[in-house]
N, C-alpha and C. Protein backbone atom coordinates (compact mmCIF):
# COMPACT_ATOMS: atom_id res chain seq x y z
N MET A 1 -8.62 -25.07 59.24
CA MET A 1 -9.19 -25.39 57.96
C MET A 1 -8.50 -24.59 56.84
N GLY A 2 -8.18 -23.33 57.15
CA GLY A 2 -7.47 -22.52 56.16
C GLY A 2 -6.14 -23.10 55.78
N ASN A 3 -5.46 -23.71 56.74
CA ASN A 3 -4.16 -24.33 56.46
C ASN A 3 -4.30 -25.53 55.53
N ILE A 4 -5.38 -26.28 55.67
CA ILE A 4 -5.61 -27.42 54.78
C ILE A 4 -5.81 -26.93 53.36
N PHE A 5 -6.65 -25.90 53.19
CA PHE A 5 -6.87 -25.36 51.85
C PHE A 5 -5.60 -24.73 51.29
N TYR A 6 -4.82 -24.09 52.15
CA TYR A 6 -3.54 -23.53 51.72
C TYR A 6 -2.65 -24.64 51.17
N ALA A 7 -2.58 -25.75 51.87
CA ALA A 7 -1.74 -26.87 51.44
C ALA A 7 -2.24 -27.44 50.11
N ILE A 8 -3.54 -27.49 49.93
CA ILE A 8 -4.09 -28.00 48.67
C ILE A 8 -3.71 -27.08 47.51
N LEU A 9 -3.87 -25.78 47.70
CA LEU A 9 -3.56 -24.84 46.61
C LEU A 9 -2.07 -24.70 46.34
N SER A 10 -1.28 -24.64 47.39
CA SER A 10 0.14 -24.34 47.22
C SER A 10 1.01 -25.58 47.07
N GLY A 11 0.54 -26.70 47.60
CA GLY A 11 1.37 -27.91 47.62
C GLY A 11 2.34 -27.94 48.78
N ASP A 12 2.27 -26.93 49.64
CA ASP A 12 3.16 -26.82 50.80
C ASP A 12 2.34 -26.69 52.07
N MET A 13 2.89 -27.15 53.17
CA MET A 13 2.26 -26.92 54.46
C MET A 13 2.66 -25.51 54.92
N PRO A 14 1.76 -24.81 55.59
CA PRO A 14 2.10 -23.47 56.07
C PRO A 14 3.32 -23.50 57.00
N PHE A 15 4.24 -22.60 56.76
CA PHE A 15 5.44 -22.46 57.58
C PHE A 15 6.22 -23.77 57.72
N GLU A 16 6.23 -24.59 56.68
CA GLU A 16 6.87 -25.90 56.80
C GLU A 16 8.38 -25.83 56.98
N ASP A 17 8.97 -24.70 56.67
CA ASP A 17 10.43 -24.58 56.77
C ASP A 17 10.90 -24.07 58.13
N ILE A 18 9.97 -23.84 59.05
CA ILE A 18 10.37 -23.36 60.37
C ILE A 18 9.74 -24.25 61.44
N GLY A 19 10.20 -24.13 62.63
CA GLY A 19 9.70 -24.95 63.73
C GLY A 19 8.30 -24.56 64.15
N GLN A 20 7.64 -25.49 64.82
CA GLN A 20 6.26 -25.29 65.24
C GLN A 20 6.11 -24.10 66.20
N GLU A 21 7.02 -23.99 67.15
CA GLU A 21 6.92 -22.88 68.11
C GLU A 21 7.07 -21.53 67.42
N GLU A 22 8.02 -21.44 66.49
CA GLU A 22 8.22 -20.19 65.76
C GLU A 22 6.99 -19.88 64.90
N ALA A 23 6.43 -20.89 64.27
CA ALA A 23 5.23 -20.71 63.46
C ALA A 23 4.07 -20.21 64.32
N GLN A 24 3.93 -20.77 65.50
CA GLN A 24 2.85 -20.34 66.40
C GLN A 24 3.03 -18.88 66.80
N GLU A 25 4.27 -18.47 67.05
CA GLU A 25 4.54 -17.08 67.40
C GLU A 25 4.21 -16.15 66.23
N LEU A 26 4.56 -16.57 65.01
CA LEU A 26 4.23 -15.75 63.85
C LEU A 26 2.72 -15.55 63.72
N VAL A 27 1.98 -16.63 63.90
CA VAL A 27 0.52 -16.56 63.80
C VAL A 27 -0.04 -15.67 64.91
N LYS A 28 0.48 -15.81 66.11
CA LYS A 28 0.04 -14.94 67.21
C LYS A 28 0.28 -13.47 66.89
N ASP A 29 1.34 -13.20 66.13
CA ASP A 29 1.68 -11.83 65.73
C ASP A 29 0.91 -11.39 64.49
N GLY A 30 -0.01 -12.23 64.00
CA GLY A 30 -0.82 -11.87 62.85
C GLY A 30 -0.22 -12.18 61.51
N LYS A 31 0.90 -12.88 61.49
CA LYS A 31 1.54 -13.22 60.23
C LYS A 31 0.96 -14.53 59.69
N ARG A 32 0.92 -14.63 58.37
CA ARG A 32 0.41 -15.82 57.71
C ARG A 32 1.40 -16.21 56.61
N PRO A 33 1.34 -17.45 56.17
CA PRO A 33 2.25 -17.87 55.09
C PRO A 33 2.04 -17.03 53.83
N ASP A 34 3.11 -16.88 53.07
CA ASP A 34 3.01 -16.19 51.80
C ASP A 34 2.20 -17.04 50.83
N ILE A 35 1.42 -16.36 50.02
CA ILE A 35 0.67 -17.02 48.95
C ILE A 35 1.28 -16.55 47.64
N SER A 36 1.63 -17.49 46.79
CA SER A 36 2.34 -17.15 45.55
C SER A 36 1.48 -16.29 44.63
N ASP A 37 2.14 -15.52 43.80
CA ASP A 37 1.45 -14.68 42.82
C ASP A 37 0.62 -15.53 41.86
N ASP A 38 1.10 -16.74 41.56
CA ASP A 38 0.35 -17.63 40.67
C ASP A 38 -1.03 -17.92 41.23
N ILE A 39 -1.12 -18.10 42.53
CA ILE A 39 -2.41 -18.37 43.18
C ILE A 39 -3.20 -17.06 43.31
N LEU A 40 -2.55 -16.01 43.75
CA LEU A 40 -3.23 -14.73 43.95
C LEU A 40 -3.82 -14.18 42.66
N ASN A 41 -3.16 -14.42 41.54
CA ASN A 41 -3.60 -13.88 40.25
C ASN A 41 -4.39 -14.87 39.41
N ASN A 42 -4.68 -16.04 39.96
CA ASN A 42 -5.42 -17.06 39.23
C ASN A 42 -6.88 -16.62 39.07
N ASN A 43 -7.40 -16.74 37.87
CA ASN A 43 -8.78 -16.31 37.60
C ASN A 43 -9.81 -17.43 37.69
N ASP A 44 -9.37 -18.63 38.00
CA ASP A 44 -10.30 -19.75 38.13
C ASP A 44 -11.20 -19.51 39.34
N ILE A 45 -12.51 -19.64 39.16
CA ILE A 45 -13.47 -19.36 40.22
C ILE A 45 -13.26 -20.27 41.43
N ALA A 46 -12.88 -21.52 41.19
CA ALA A 46 -12.65 -22.44 42.31
C ALA A 46 -11.44 -21.99 43.13
N VAL A 47 -10.37 -21.60 42.46
CA VAL A 47 -9.17 -21.12 43.15
C VAL A 47 -9.49 -19.83 43.91
N LYS A 48 -10.21 -18.92 43.28
CA LYS A 48 -10.57 -17.67 43.94
C LYS A 48 -11.42 -17.92 45.18
N THR A 49 -12.33 -18.87 45.08
CA THR A 49 -13.19 -19.19 46.22
C THR A 49 -12.37 -19.78 47.36
N ILE A 50 -11.51 -20.72 47.05
CA ILE A 50 -10.68 -21.34 48.09
C ILE A 50 -9.74 -20.29 48.71
N LEU A 51 -9.19 -19.42 47.90
CA LEU A 51 -8.33 -18.35 48.43
C LEU A 51 -9.12 -17.45 49.38
N SER A 52 -10.33 -17.12 49.01
CA SER A 52 -11.18 -16.30 49.88
C SER A 52 -11.43 -17.02 51.21
N ILE A 53 -11.70 -18.30 51.14
CA ILE A 53 -11.94 -19.08 52.35
C ILE A 53 -10.69 -19.14 53.22
N ILE A 54 -9.54 -19.33 52.59
CA ILE A 54 -8.28 -19.34 53.35
C ILE A 54 -8.14 -18.04 54.14
N LYS A 55 -8.32 -16.93 53.46
CA LYS A 55 -8.16 -15.63 54.11
C LYS A 55 -9.16 -15.45 55.25
N GLN A 56 -10.40 -15.91 55.05
CA GLN A 56 -11.40 -15.82 56.11
C GLN A 56 -11.01 -16.69 57.30
N CYS A 57 -10.51 -17.89 57.02
CA CYS A 57 -10.11 -18.82 58.08
C CYS A 57 -8.89 -18.31 58.84
N TRP A 58 -8.10 -17.46 58.21
CA TRP A 58 -6.91 -16.94 58.84
C TRP A 58 -7.16 -15.63 59.60
N GLU A 59 -8.40 -15.22 59.73
CA GLU A 59 -8.70 -14.02 60.52
C GLU A 59 -8.09 -14.17 61.91
N GLN A 60 -7.52 -13.10 62.41
CA GLN A 60 -6.84 -13.15 63.71
C GLN A 60 -7.80 -13.48 64.85
N ASP A 61 -8.96 -12.86 64.83
CA ASP A 61 -9.94 -13.09 65.88
C ASP A 61 -10.78 -14.32 65.53
N PRO A 62 -10.71 -15.37 66.34
CA PRO A 62 -11.46 -16.58 66.03
C PRO A 62 -12.96 -16.34 65.81
N ALA A 63 -13.52 -15.33 66.46
CA ALA A 63 -14.94 -15.03 66.29
C ALA A 63 -15.26 -14.56 64.87
N ASP A 64 -14.24 -14.07 64.16
CA ASP A 64 -14.43 -13.58 62.79
C ASP A 64 -14.23 -14.67 61.73
N ARG A 65 -13.84 -15.85 62.15
CA ARG A 65 -13.59 -16.94 61.21
C ARG A 65 -14.89 -17.65 60.85
N PRO A 66 -14.98 -18.16 59.63
CA PRO A 66 -16.22 -18.84 59.23
C PRO A 66 -16.35 -20.21 59.89
N SER A 67 -17.59 -20.63 60.02
CA SER A 67 -17.85 -21.98 60.53
C SER A 67 -17.60 -23.00 59.43
N ALA A 68 -17.44 -24.25 59.82
CA ALA A 68 -17.26 -25.32 58.84
C ALA A 68 -18.48 -25.42 57.93
N SER A 69 -19.66 -25.20 58.48
CA SER A 69 -20.86 -25.28 57.64
C SER A 69 -20.90 -24.14 56.63
N TYR A 70 -20.43 -22.96 56.99
CA TYR A 70 -20.34 -21.86 56.04
C TYR A 70 -19.40 -22.23 54.90
N VAL A 71 -18.23 -22.77 55.24
CA VAL A 71 -17.25 -23.16 54.23
C VAL A 71 -17.86 -24.21 53.30
N ARG A 72 -18.50 -25.21 53.87
CA ARG A 72 -19.15 -26.25 53.08
C ARG A 72 -20.17 -25.64 52.12
N ASP A 73 -21.02 -24.77 52.65
CA ASP A 73 -22.07 -24.16 51.83
C ASP A 73 -21.49 -23.29 50.72
N GLU A 74 -20.44 -22.56 51.03
CA GLU A 74 -19.81 -21.70 50.03
C GLU A 74 -19.17 -22.53 48.92
N LEU A 75 -18.48 -23.59 49.29
CA LEU A 75 -17.88 -24.46 48.28
C LEU A 75 -18.96 -25.12 47.43
N LYS A 76 -20.03 -25.57 48.06
CA LYS A 76 -21.13 -26.20 47.32
C LYS A 76 -21.78 -25.20 46.37
N ARG A 77 -21.98 -23.97 46.82
CA ARG A 77 -22.58 -22.94 45.97
C ARG A 77 -21.75 -22.72 44.71
N VAL A 78 -20.45 -22.62 44.88
CA VAL A 78 -19.56 -22.39 43.74
C VAL A 78 -19.53 -23.62 42.84
N MET A 79 -19.43 -24.79 43.44
CA MET A 79 -19.40 -26.02 42.63
C MET A 79 -20.70 -26.20 41.86
N ASP A 80 -21.84 -25.90 42.48
CA ASP A 80 -23.12 -26.00 41.79
C ASP A 80 -23.17 -25.03 40.62
N GLY A 81 -22.63 -23.83 40.82
CA GLY A 81 -22.58 -22.86 39.73
C GLY A 81 -21.68 -23.31 38.60
N MET A 82 -20.58 -23.95 38.93
CA MET A 82 -19.67 -24.45 37.90
C MET A 82 -20.34 -25.59 37.13
N THR A 83 -21.06 -26.43 37.84
CA THR A 83 -21.74 -27.56 37.20
C THR A 83 -22.83 -27.07 36.26
N SER A 84 -23.61 -26.09 36.71
CA SER A 84 -24.70 -25.58 35.86
C SER A 84 -24.14 -24.84 34.65
N ASN A 85 -23.01 -24.18 34.80
CA ASN A 85 -22.39 -23.49 33.66
C ASN A 85 -21.85 -24.48 32.65
N ASN A 86 -21.37 -25.62 33.10
CA ASN A 86 -20.82 -26.63 32.19
C ASN A 86 -21.90 -27.39 31.46
N SER A 87 -23.11 -27.42 32.02
CA SER A 87 -24.19 -28.18 31.37
C SER A 87 -24.97 -27.33 30.37
N ASP A 88 -24.65 -26.02 30.30
CA ASP A 88 -25.36 -25.15 29.35
C ASP A 88 -24.94 -25.40 27.92
């Protein structure tokens, strides 16, 4: 799920410039795709939330990764907050 959100934010698939086996080895070694400074320094609450979710989904230990329902609820919470702020 983190890779999907990464692709949405960056416009690139994770490790798209290397082979699948090499990418799998990098992930096994705890490496993750680089995230551009433009994304890391973005102050938009939606971008910050998605970035936080990406990082949580990329936790090395699968037991530490969020469930799909957690991700859904977190995105909904932020979207609801954005909607209520826009209607003020």
